[in-house]
Amino acid sequence: MRFVVQRTTGASVSVDGKTVGEIGIGFVVLVGIGGGDTREIADKMIKKLLALRIFDDENGKTNLSLSDVGGELLIISQFTLYADCRHGNRPSFIKAGEPRLAEELYEYIAAECGKQFPVQKGIFGAEMKVSLLNDGPFTIILDSEQLLPKESKNGTE
């Protein structure tokens, strides 16, 4: 699972010229679901996302969290985060999760985040236009393969 987190002072997403989600200060989160992703992985990614301290405090240090600034989330599904460009010039997306699984996990992520913060979202599978003012710019990539310990061959961490 991959999240691209962009700190923003305002963002929106539209489909067919209609705004379907809009936030003020907060995070735009592009969500990529991989083939082996689960709710357990999503829960760990959500925990990390919601605890990030990437807003400036009174001294200009990135020390404040989403809750500290009263922030919101705009969550956008983006399977292209699993693009493999190692061979040729046309990306392969075979590592992206199949659409049914990806949509289920995307909706789960939005619902779980919505238990703690105001959440707006795009429409899964739609052609979307995302507009944001990236504050900083400040962009973080969270990748479950880097964040979560891998199990060894005997099943222990």
C-alpha atoms as a PDB file:
ATOM      1  CA  MET A   1       0.000   0.000   0.000  1.00  0.00           C
ATOM      2  CA  ARG A   2       1.264   3.427  -0.856  1.00  0.00           C
ATOM      3  CA  PHE A   3       0.143   6.855   0.321  1.00  0.00           C
ATOM      4  CA  VAL A   4       1.444  10.068  -1.200  1.00  0.00           C
ATOM      5  CA  VAL A   5       0.670  12.725   1.399  1.00  0.00           C
ATOM      6  CA  GLN A   6       0.706  16.369   0.385  1.00  0.00           C
ATOM      7  CA  ARG A   7       0.342  19.088   3.004  1.00  0.00           C
ATOM      8  CA  THR A   8      -2.127  21.633   1.695  1.00  0.00           C
ATOM      9  CA  THR A   9      -3.843  24.885   2.572  1.00  0.00           C
ATOM     10  CA  GLY A  10      -6.697  23.970   0.245  1.00  0.00           C
ATOM     11  CA  ALA A  11      -7.614  21.288  -2.280  1.00  0.00           C
ATOM     12  CA  SER A  12     -10.501  19.965  -4.327  1.00  0.00           C
ATOM     13  CA  VAL A  13     -11.369  17.107  -6.644  1.00  0.00           C
ATOM     14  CA  SER A  14     -13.857  17.240  -9.496  1.00  0.00           C
ATOM     15  CA  VAL A  15     -15.481  14.699 -11.793  1.00  0.00           C
ATOM     16  CA  ASP A  16     -17.135  15.772 -15.052  1.00  0.00           C
ATOM     17  CA  GLY A  17     -16.681  19.415 -14.068  1.00  0.00           C
ATOM     18  CA  LYS A  18     -18.457  18.996 -10.692  1.00  0.00           C
ATOM     19  CA  THR A  19     -16.619  19.366  -7.405  1.00  0.00           C
ATOM     20  CA  VAL A  20     -17.087  16.136  -5.429  1.00  0.00           C
ATOM     21  CA  GLY A  21     -14.691  16.907  -2.557  1.00  0.00           C
ATOM     22  CA  GLU A  22     -13.037  20.001  -1.124  1.00  0.00           C
ATOM     23  CA  ILE A  23     -10.951  20.765   1.981  1.00  0.00           C
ATOM     24  CA  GLY A  24      -9.042  23.600   3.594  1.00  0.00           C
ATOM     25  CA  ILE A  25      -5.877  23.006   5.582  1.00  0.00           C
ATOM     26  CA  GLY A  26      -4.905  19.355   5.770  1.00  0.00           C
ATOM     27  CA  PHE A  27      -3.631  16.489   3.653  1.00  0.00           C
ATOM     28  CA  VAL A  28      -4.322  15.379   0.130  1.00  0.00           C
ATOM     29  CA  VAL A  29      -3.714  11.632   0.264  1.00  0.00           C
ATOM     30  CA  LEU A  30      -3.223   9.702  -2.962  1.00  0.00           C
ATOM     31  CA  VAL A  31      -3.889   6.048  -2.129  1.00  0.00           C
ATOM     32  CA  GLY A  32      -2.432   3.153  -4.105  1.00  0.00           C
ATOM     33  CA  ILE A  33      -3.556  -0.366  -3.243  1.00  0.00           C
ATOM     34  CA  GLY A  34      -1.251  -3.266  -4.096  1.00  0.00           C
ATOM     35  CA  GLY A  35      -2.190  -6.848  -4.896  1.00  0.00           C
ATOM     36  CA  GLY A  36      -1.448  -8.270  -1.445  1.00  0.00           C
ATOM     37  CA  ASP A  37      -2.854  -5.449   0.674  1.00  0.00           C
ATOM     38  CA  THR A  38      -5.229  -6.094   3.579  1.00  0.00           C
ATOM     39  CA  ARG A  39      -7.215  -4.190   6.204  1.00  0.00           C
ATOM     40  CA  GLU A  40      -4.458  -4.973   8.691  1.00  0.00           C
ATOM     41  CA  ILE A  41      -1.944  -3.189   6.465  1.00  0.00           C
ATOM     42  CA  ALA A  42      -4.420  -0.337   5.952  1.00  0.00           C
ATOM     43  CA  ASP A  43      -4.850   0.063   9.719  1.00  0.00           C
ATOM     44  CA  LYS A  44      -1.092   0.444  10.216  1.00  0.00           C
ATOM     45  CA  MET A  45      -0.834   2.913   7.335  1.00  0.00           C
ATOM     46  CA  ILE A  46      -3.780   4.944   8.671  1.00  0.00           C
ATOM     47  CA  LYS A  47      -2.219   5.074  12.132  1.00  0.00           C
ATOM     48  CA  LYS A  48       1.026   6.444  10.667  1.00  0.00           C
ATOM     49  CA  LEU A  49      -0.788   8.897   8.371  1.00  0.00           C
ATOM     50  CA  LEU A  50      -2.949  10.407  11.087  1.00  0.00           C
ATOM     51  CA  ALA A  51      -0.006  10.813  13.471  1.00  0.00           C
ATOM     52  CA  LEU A  52       2.317  12.597  11.014  1.00  0.00           C
ATOM     53  CA  ARG A  53       3.648  15.838  12.452  1.00  0.00           C
ATOM     54  CA  ILE A  54       4.368  17.873   9.331  1.00  0.00           C
ATOM     55  CA  PHE A  55       2.715  21.228  10.048  1.00  0.00           C
ATOM     56  CA  ASP A  56       4.801  24.155  11.263  1.00  0.00           C
ATOM     57  CA  ASP A  57       4.666  25.200  14.902  1.00  0.00           C
ATOM     58  CA  GLU A  58       5.165  28.781  16.122  1.00  0.00           C
ATOM     59  CA  ASN A  59       8.936  28.367  15.616  1.00  0.00           C
ATOM     60  CA  GLY A  60       8.656  27.125  12.041  1.00  0.00           C
ATOM     61  CA  LYS A  61       9.491  23.526  13.000  1.00  0.00           C
ATOM     62  CA  THR A  62       7.440  20.706  11.504  1.00  0.00           C
ATOM     63  CA  ASN A  63       6.067  19.612  14.839  1.00  0.00           C
ATOM     64  CA  LEU A  64       2.268  19.798  14.572  1.00  0.00           C
ATOM     65  CA  SER A  65      -0.129  17.042  13.557  1.00  0.00           C
ATOM     66  CA  LEU A  66      -3.396  17.109  11.663  1.00  0.00           C
ATOM     67  CA  SER A  67      -5.310  17.257  14.942  1.00  0.00           C
ATOM     68  CA  ASP A  68      -3.152  20.152  16.196  1.00  0.00           C
ATOM     69  CA  VAL A  69      -4.164  22.315  13.213  1.00  0.00           C
ATOM     70  CA  GLY A  70      -7.778  21.154  12.913  1.00  0.00           C
ATOM     71  CA  GLY A  71      -6.988  19.652   9.528  1.00  0.00           C
ATOM     72  CA  GLU A  72      -9.032  17.720   6.995  1.00  0.00           C
ATOM     73  CA  LEU A  73      -8.287  14.924   4.546  1.00  0.00           C
ATOM     74  CA  LEU A  74      -8.954  14.678   0.814  1.00  0.00           C
ATOM     75  CA  ILE A  75      -8.461  11.021  -0.106  1.00  0.00           C
ATOM     76  CA  ILE A  76      -8.010  10.079  -3.768  1.00  0.00           C
ATOM     77  CA  SER A  77      -7.636   6.571  -5.182  1.00  0.00           C
ATOM     78  CA  GLN A  78      -4.656   6.323  -7.530  1.00  0.00           C
ATOM     79  CA  PHE A  79      -3.643   2.930  -8.898  1.00  0.00           C
ATOM     80  CA  THR A  80      -0.847   4.584 -10.885  1.00  0.00           C
ATOM     81  CA  LEU A  81       1.210   4.663  -7.678  1.00  0.00           C
ATOM     82  CA  TYR A  82       1.993   1.059  -8.590  1.00  0.00           C
ATOM     83  CA  ALA A  83       3.382   1.918 -12.021  1.00  0.00           C
ATOM     84  CA  ASP A  84       6.428  -0.143 -12.960  1.00  0.00           C
ATOM     85  CA  CYS A  85       8.568   1.781 -15.429  1.00  0.00           C
ATOM     86  CA  ARG A  86      11.643  -0.450 -15.386  1.00  0.00           C
ATOM     87  CA  HIS A  87      11.089  -1.889 -18.863  1.00  0.00           C
ATOM     88  CA  GLY A  88      10.242   0.181 -21.918  1.00  0.00           C
ATOM     89  CA  ASN A  89       8.374   3.459 -21.900  1.00  0.00           C
ATOM     90  CA  ARG A  90       4.844   2.274 -21.190  1.00  0.00           C
ATOM     91  CA  PRO A  91       4.257   1.655 -17.477  1.00  0.00           C
ATOM     92  CA  SER A  92       2.980  -1.692 -16.271  1.00  0.00           C
ATOM     93  CA  PHE A  93       0.356  -1.770 -13.520  1.00  0.00           C
ATOM     94  CA  ILE A  94       0.318  -5.495 -12.756  1.00  0.00           C
ATOM     95  CA  LYS A  95       1.308  -4.895  -9.111  1.00  0.00           C
ATOM     96  CA  ALA A  96      -1.763  -2.729  -8.473  1.00  0.00           C
ATOM     97  CA  GLY A  97      -4.586  -4.415  -6.592  1.00  0.00           C
ATOM     98  CA  GLU A  98      -7.498  -5.711  -8.603  1.00  0.00           C
ATOM     99  CA  PRO A  99     -10.320  -3.130  -8.719  1.00  0.00           C
ATOM    100  CA  ARG A 100     -12.791  -4.869  -6.368  1.00  0.00           C
ATOM    101  CA  LEU A 101     -10.188  -5.270  -3.608  1.00  0.00           C
ATOM    102  CA  ALA A 102      -8.758  -1.801  -4.199  1.00  0.00           C
ATOM    103  CA  GLU A 103     -12.166  -0.122  -4.010  1.00  0.00           C
ATOM    104  CA  GLU A 104     -13.052  -2.000  -0.822  1.00  0.00           C
ATOM    105  CA  LEU A 105      -9.793  -0.969   0.864  1.00  0.00           C
ATOM    106  CA  TYR A 106     -10.053   2.612  -0.425  1.00  0.00           C
ATOM    107  CA  GLU A 107     -13.550   2.963   1.066  1.00  0.00           C
ATOM    108  CA  TYR A 108     -12.336   1.341   4.295  1.00  0.00           C
ATOM    109  CA  ILE A 109      -9.421   3.797   4.564  1.00  0.00           C
ATOM    110  CA  ALA A 110     -11.710   6.789   4.017  1.00  0.00           C
ATOM    111  CA  ALA A 111     -14.236   5.511   6.580  1.00  0.00           C
ATOM    112  CA  GLU A 112     -11.562   4.795   9.217  1.00  0.00           C
ATOM    113  CA  CYS A 113      -9.934   8.207   8.746  1.00  0.00           C
ATOM    114  CA  GLY A 114     -13.402   9.758   8.931  1.00  0.00           C
ATOM    115  CA  LYS A 115     -13.784   8.457  12.479  1.00  0.00           C
ATOM    116  CA  GLN A 116     -11.145  11.000  13.577  1.00  0.00           C
ATOM    117  CA  PHE A 117     -11.061  13.763  10.953  1.00  0.00           C
ATOM    118  CA  PRO A 118     -13.306  15.373   8.361  1.00  0.00           C
ATOM    119  CA  VAL A 119     -12.795  13.416   5.122  1.00  0.00           C
ATOM    120  CA  GLN A 120     -13.655  14.264   1.542  1.00  0.00           C
ATOM    121  CA  LYS A 121     -12.845  11.892  -1.285  1.00  0.00           C
ATOM    122  CA  GLY A 122     -12.804  11.367  -4.975  1.00  0.00           C
ATOM    123  CA  ILE A 123     -14.836   8.784  -6.857  1.00  0.00           C
ATOM    124  CA  PHE A 124     -13.115   5.426  -7.232  1.00  0.00           C
ATOM    125  CA  GLY A 125     -12.289   4.644 -10.865  1.00  0.00           C
ATOM    126  CA  ALA A 126     -13.494   8.005 -12.195  1.00  0.00           C
ATOM    127  CA  GLU A 127     -11.489  10.415 -14.321  1.00  0.00           C
ATOM    128  CA  MET A 128     -10.736  13.067 -11.694  1.00  0.00           C
ATOM    129  CA  LYS A 129      -9.176  16.503 -11.702  1.00  0.00           C
ATOM    130  CA  VAL A 130      -7.354  17.271  -8.461  1.00  0.00           C
ATOM    131  CA  SER A 131      -6.429  20.812  -7.566  1.00  0.00           C
ATOM    132  CA  LEU A 132      -4.325  21.697  -4.555  1.00  0.00           C
ATOM    133  CA  LEU A 133      -2.058  24.290  -3.106  1.00  0.00           C
ATOM    134  CA  ASN A 134       0.847  22.163  -1.838  1.00  0.00           C
ATOM    135  CA  ASP A 135       1.997  23.996   1.266  1.00  0.00           C
ATOM    136  CA  GLY A 136       5.777  24.070   1.458  1.00  0.00           C
ATOM    137  CA  PRO A 137       5.729  22.187  -0.867  1.00  0.00           C
ATOM    138  CA  PHE A 138       5.659  19.299   1.550  1.00  0.00           C
ATOM    139  CA  THR A 139       5.115  15.784   0.215  1.00  0.00           C
ATOM    140  CA  ILE A 140       5.672  12.495   2.067  1.00  0.00           C
ATOM    141  CA  ILE A 141       5.532   8.979   0.646  1.00  0.00           C
ATOM    142  CA  LEU A 142       4.347   6.236   2.975  1.00  0.00           C
ATOM    143  CA  ASP A 143       4.961   2.734   1.617  1.00  0.00           C
ATOM    144  CA  SER A 144       3.828  -0.300   3.606  1.00  0.00           C
ATOM    145  CA  GLU A 145       6.856  -2.239   2.383  1.00  0.00           C
ATOM    146  CA  GLN A 146       9.103   0.317   4.098  1.00  0.00           C
ATOM    147  CA  LEU A 147       6.953   0.989   7.170  1.00  0.00           C
ATOM    148  CA  LEU A 148       5.914  -2.494   8.193  1.00  0.00           C
ATOM    149  CA  PRO A 149       8.324  -5.209   9.299  1.00  0.00           C
ATOM    150  CA  LYS A 150       8.569  -8.100   6.880  1.00  0.00           C
ATOM    151  CA  GLU A 151       7.963 -11.573   8.191  1.00  0.00           C
ATOM    152  CA  SER A 152      10.822 -13.996   8.016  1.00  0.00           C
ATOM    153  CA  LYS A 153      10.451 -17.420   6.418  1.00  0.00           C
ATOM    154  CA  ASN A 154       9.546 -19.009   9.761  1.00  0.00           C
ATOM    155  CA  GLY A 155       6.690 -16.543  10.318  1.00  0.00           C
ATOM    156  CA  THR A 156       8.338 -14.270  12.918  1.00  0.00           C
ATOM    157  CA  GLU A 157       9.316 -10.653  12.557  1.00  0.00           C
END
